[in-house]
């Protein structure tokens, strides 16, 4: 006969089953501990990935995002949104471009666009970074621009190839120069 079985039989009464209260505590502990452990593991994994992320890839992503946002802002406006659009463009502008754009889009220019009921919508078709070194970057954007006004009620669609020069400042990437390289349409 098995000595463990004999010890159990002769060692006293069998153990009592766990009480419902202790089972509830155990289930509650499992429901809290396991998700907490998983959450901690996910946070640690994210921290490791962030620590290992390539700063150049991060800069590339920021340059692409800023370039795309700027290209759309520059080419999208209507008579009702001109002042807000101008402020949004200037928020991303730096250096010589900021000065030139401020001068170009003064009160007379805005009044002329409002009087003509200008409406323009830009959509980035393709965008690429052509260079990225330190705090300087260049990007090329192919932007489809649809325009109309009171003299041109049928929308005109053209594609503009726009070169953007960017600089990194304390507030992120800013547009330092804009050149329209060519237009199709």
Protein backbone atom coordinates (compact mmCIF):
# COMPACT_ATOMS: atom_id res chain seq x y z
CA UNK A 1 0.00 0.00 0.00
CA UNK A 2 1.15 3.54 -0.73
CA UNK A 3 2.69 5.14 2.36
CA UNK A 4 1.43 8.59 1.36
CA UNK A 5 -2.10 7.27 1.24
CA UNK A 6 -1.60 5.62 4.67
CA UNK A 7 -0.23 8.81 6.16
CA UNK A 8 -3.23 10.70 4.86
CA UNK A 9 -5.65 8.15 6.22
CA UNK A 10 -3.98 7.89 9.57
CA UNK A 11 -2.85 11.50 9.84
CA UNK A 12 -6.21 12.91 10.72
CA UNK A 13 -9.30 14.15 8.96
CA UNK A 14 -9.12 15.15 5.28
CA UNK A 15 -8.62 18.85 4.56
CA UNK A 16 -11.72 21.00 4.12
CA UNK A 17 -12.52 22.38 0.65
CA UNK A 18 -11.73 26.09 0.20
CA UNK A 19 -14.51 28.39 1.30
CA UNK A 20 -16.46 30.39 -1.31
CA UNK A 21 -15.00 33.59 0.18
CA UNK A 22 -11.41 32.43 -0.34
CA UNK A 23 -12.26 31.32 -3.91
CA UNK A 24 -13.69 34.79 -4.61
CA UNK A 25 -10.54 36.43 -3.26
CA UNK A 26 -8.38 34.18 -5.40
CA UNK A 27 -10.42 34.93 -8.53
CA UNK A 28 -10.30 38.67 -7.79
CA UNK A 29 -6.54 38.54 -7.25
CA UNK A 30 -6.11 36.73 -10.57
CA UNK A 31 -8.32 39.27 -12.36
CA UNK A 32 -6.24 42.15 -11.00
CA UNK A 33 -2.73 40.71 -10.97
CA UNK A 34 -2.63 39.20 -14.47
CA UNK A 35 -3.87 42.29 -16.38
CA UNK A 36 -1.58 44.51 -14.27
CA UNK A 37 1.41 42.32 -15.08
CA UNK A 38 0.52 42.38 -18.79
CA UNK A 39 0.17 46.17 -18.71
CA UNK A 40 3.54 46.57 -17.02
CA UNK A 41 5.15 44.26 -19.59
CA UNK A 42 3.64 46.29 -22.46
CA UNK A 43 4.85 49.57 -20.97
CA UNK A 44 8.35 48.18 -20.55
CA UNK A 45 8.35 46.86 -24.13
CA UNK A 46 7.24 50.25 -25.46
CA UNK A 47 9.95 51.99 -23.45
CA UNK A 48 12.60 49.65 -24.87
CA UNK A 49 11.36 50.22 -28.43
CA UNK A 50 11.37 53.98 -27.96
CA UNK A 51 14.86 53.89 -26.52
CA UNK A 52 16.08 51.89 -29.49
CA UNK A 53 14.24 53.93 -32.15
CA UNK A 54 16.39 55.51 -34.82
CA UNK A 55 16.53 59.32 -34.42
CA UNK A 56 17.00 59.70 -38.19
CA UNK A 57 13.79 57.78 -38.87
CA UNK A 58 11.98 59.97 -36.36
CA UNK A 59 13.31 63.11 -38.08
CA UNK A 60 12.28 61.73 -41.50
CA UNK A 61 8.76 61.11 -40.25
CA UNK A 62 8.53 64.63 -38.80
CA UNK A 63 9.83 66.22 -42.03
CA UNK A 64 7.32 64.25 -44.12
CA UNK A 65 4.45 65.14 -41.80
CA UNK A 66 5.35 68.85 -41.71
CA UNK A 67 5.89 69.00 -45.49
CA UNK A 68 2.59 67.31 -46.26
CA UNK A 69 0.65 69.48 -43.81
CA UNK A 70 2.28 72.63 -45.15
CA UNK A 71 1.65 71.78 -48.82
CA UNK A 72 -2.05 71.28 -48.11
CA UNK A 73 -2.28 74.47 -46.01
CA UNK A 74 -0.53 76.53 -48.66
CA UNK A 75 -2.84 75.40 -51.46
CA UNK A 76 -6.19 75.10 -49.64
CA UNK A 77 -8.26 78.18 -48.93
CA UNK A 78 -11.48 79.98 -49.77
CA UNK A 79 -12.76 83.50 -49.35
CA UNK A 80 -14.11 82.69 -45.87
CA UNK A 81 -10.95 81.01 -44.52
CA UNK A 82 -8.17 83.20 -45.93
CA UNK A 83 -7.18 84.87 -42.66
CA UNK A 84 -7.08 81.56 -40.74
CA UNK A 85 -5.22 79.84 -43.60
CA UNK A 86 -2.64 82.64 -43.63
CA UNK A 87 -2.04 82.24 -39.88
CA UNK A 88 -1.71 78.46 -40.22
CA UNK A 89 0.89 78.85 -43.00
CA UNK A 90 2.82 81.46 -41.00
CA UNK A 91 2.83 79.14 -37.98
CA UNK A 92 4.89 76.66 -40.03
CA UNK A 93 7.02 79.31 -41.76
CA UNK A 94 10.53 80.44 -40.86
CA UNK A 95 13.21 82.84 -42.03
CA UNK A 96 13.08 84.37 -45.48
CA UNK A 97 9.93 82.50 -46.52
CA UNK A 98 8.04 83.82 -43.49
CA UNK A 99 9.00 87.39 -44.41
CA UNK A 100 8.12 86.94 -48.09
CA UNK A 101 4.80 85.26 -47.35
CA UNK A 102 3.85 87.93 -44.81
CA UNK A 103 4.57 90.65 -47.38
CA UNK A 104 2.80 88.84 -50.25
CA UNK A 105 -0.37 87.99 -48.34
CA UNK A 106 -1.05 91.43 -46.90
CA UNK A 107 -4.47 93.05 -46.70
CA UNK A 108 -4.62 93.98 -50.42
CA UNK A 109 -3.92 90.40 -51.53
CA UNK A 110 -6.50 88.95 -49.15
CA UNK A 111 -9.08 91.52 -50.26
CA UNK A 112 -8.47 90.66 -53.93
CA UNK A 113 -8.94 86.94 -53.28
CA UNK A 114 -12.10 87.61 -51.27
CA UNK A 115 -13.49 89.91 -53.97
CA UNK A 116 -12.89 87.22 -56.62
CA UNK A 117 -14.38 84.57 -54.30
CA UNK A 118 -11.28 82.44 -54.68
CA UNK A 119 -11.52 78.79 -53.75
CA UNK A 120 -8.58 76.38 -53.84
CA UNK A 121 -8.15 72.83 -52.62
CA UNK A 122 -4.78 71.13 -52.48
CA UNK A 123 -4.12 67.41 -52.17
CA UNK A 124 -0.67 65.87 -51.89
CA UNK A 125 -0.32 63.09 -54.45
CA UNK A 126 3.29 62.17 -53.68
CA UNK A 127 5.94 63.48 -51.34
CA UNK A 128 9.58 62.58 -50.82
CA UNK A 129 12.51 63.77 -48.76
CA UNK A 130 15.42 64.60 -51.05
CA UNK A 131 17.88 65.41 -48.28
CA UNK A 132 18.09 65.40 -44.51
CA UNK A 133 21.22 66.50 -42.71
CA UNK A 134 21.20 67.70 -39.14
CA UNK A 135 18.71 70.55 -38.81
CA UNK A 136 18.16 71.02 -42.58
CA UNK A 137 15.92 69.08 -44.94
CA UNK A 138 14.56 69.28 -48.47
CA UNK A 139 11.33 67.72 -49.72
CA UNK A 140 9.54 67.50 -53.06
CA UNK A 141 5.75 67.41 -53.12
CA UNK A 142 3.48 66.74 -56.08
CA UNK A 143 0.28 68.58 -55.20
CA UNK A 144 -2.99 68.48 -57.11
CA UNK A 145 -4.61 71.92 -56.86
CA UNK A 146 -8.24 72.52 -57.83
CA UNK A 147 -9.12 76.21 -58.15
CA UNK A 148 -12.17 78.23 -59.03
CA UNK A 149 -13.44 81.78 -58.54
CA UNK A 150 -16.31 83.97 -59.70
CA UNK A 151 -14.62 84.42 -63.12
CA UNK A 152 -13.71 80.72 -63.38
CA UNK A 153 -16.79 78.81 -62.14
CA UNK A 154 -15.63 75.50 -63.65
CA UNK A 155 -12.85 74.15 -61.45
CA UNK A 156 -9.38 74.06 -62.99
CA UNK A 157 -7.13 71.20 -61.89
CA UNK A 158 -3.37 71.34 -62.12
CA UNK A 159 -0.48 69.54 -60.54
CA UNK A 160 2.32 71.53 -58.97
CA UNK A 161 5.75 70.16 -58.16
CA UNK A 162 6.79 72.08 -55.06
CA UNK A 163 10.23 72.04 -53.45
CA UNK A 164 10.28 72.75 -49.72
CA UNK A 165 13.34 73.67 -47.66
CA UNK A 166 12.93 72.97 -43.97
CA UNK A 167 14.87 73.88 -40.84
CA UNK A 168 14.52 72.38 -37.39
CA UNK A 169 13.95 74.88 -34.61
CA UNK A 170 12.91 74.58 -30.99
CA UNK A 171 9.29 74.17 -32.08
CA UNK A 172 9.96 71.43 -34.63
CA UNK A 173 10.43 71.58 -38.40
CA UNK A 174 9.56 74.83 -40.20
CA UNK A 175 9.45 75.84 -43.86
CA UNK A 176 12.33 78.16 -44.79
CA UNK A 177 11.82 78.32 -48.57
CA UNK A 178 9.24 77.28 -51.17
CA UNK A 179 9.78 76.93 -54.91
CA UNK A 180 7.26 75.84 -57.50
CA UNK A 181 9.43 73.81 -59.86
CA UNK A 182 6.76 73.11 -62.42
CA UNK A 183 3.06 72.96 -63.19
CA UNK A 184 1.10 70.44 -65.25
CA UNK A 185 -2.46 71.15 -66.30
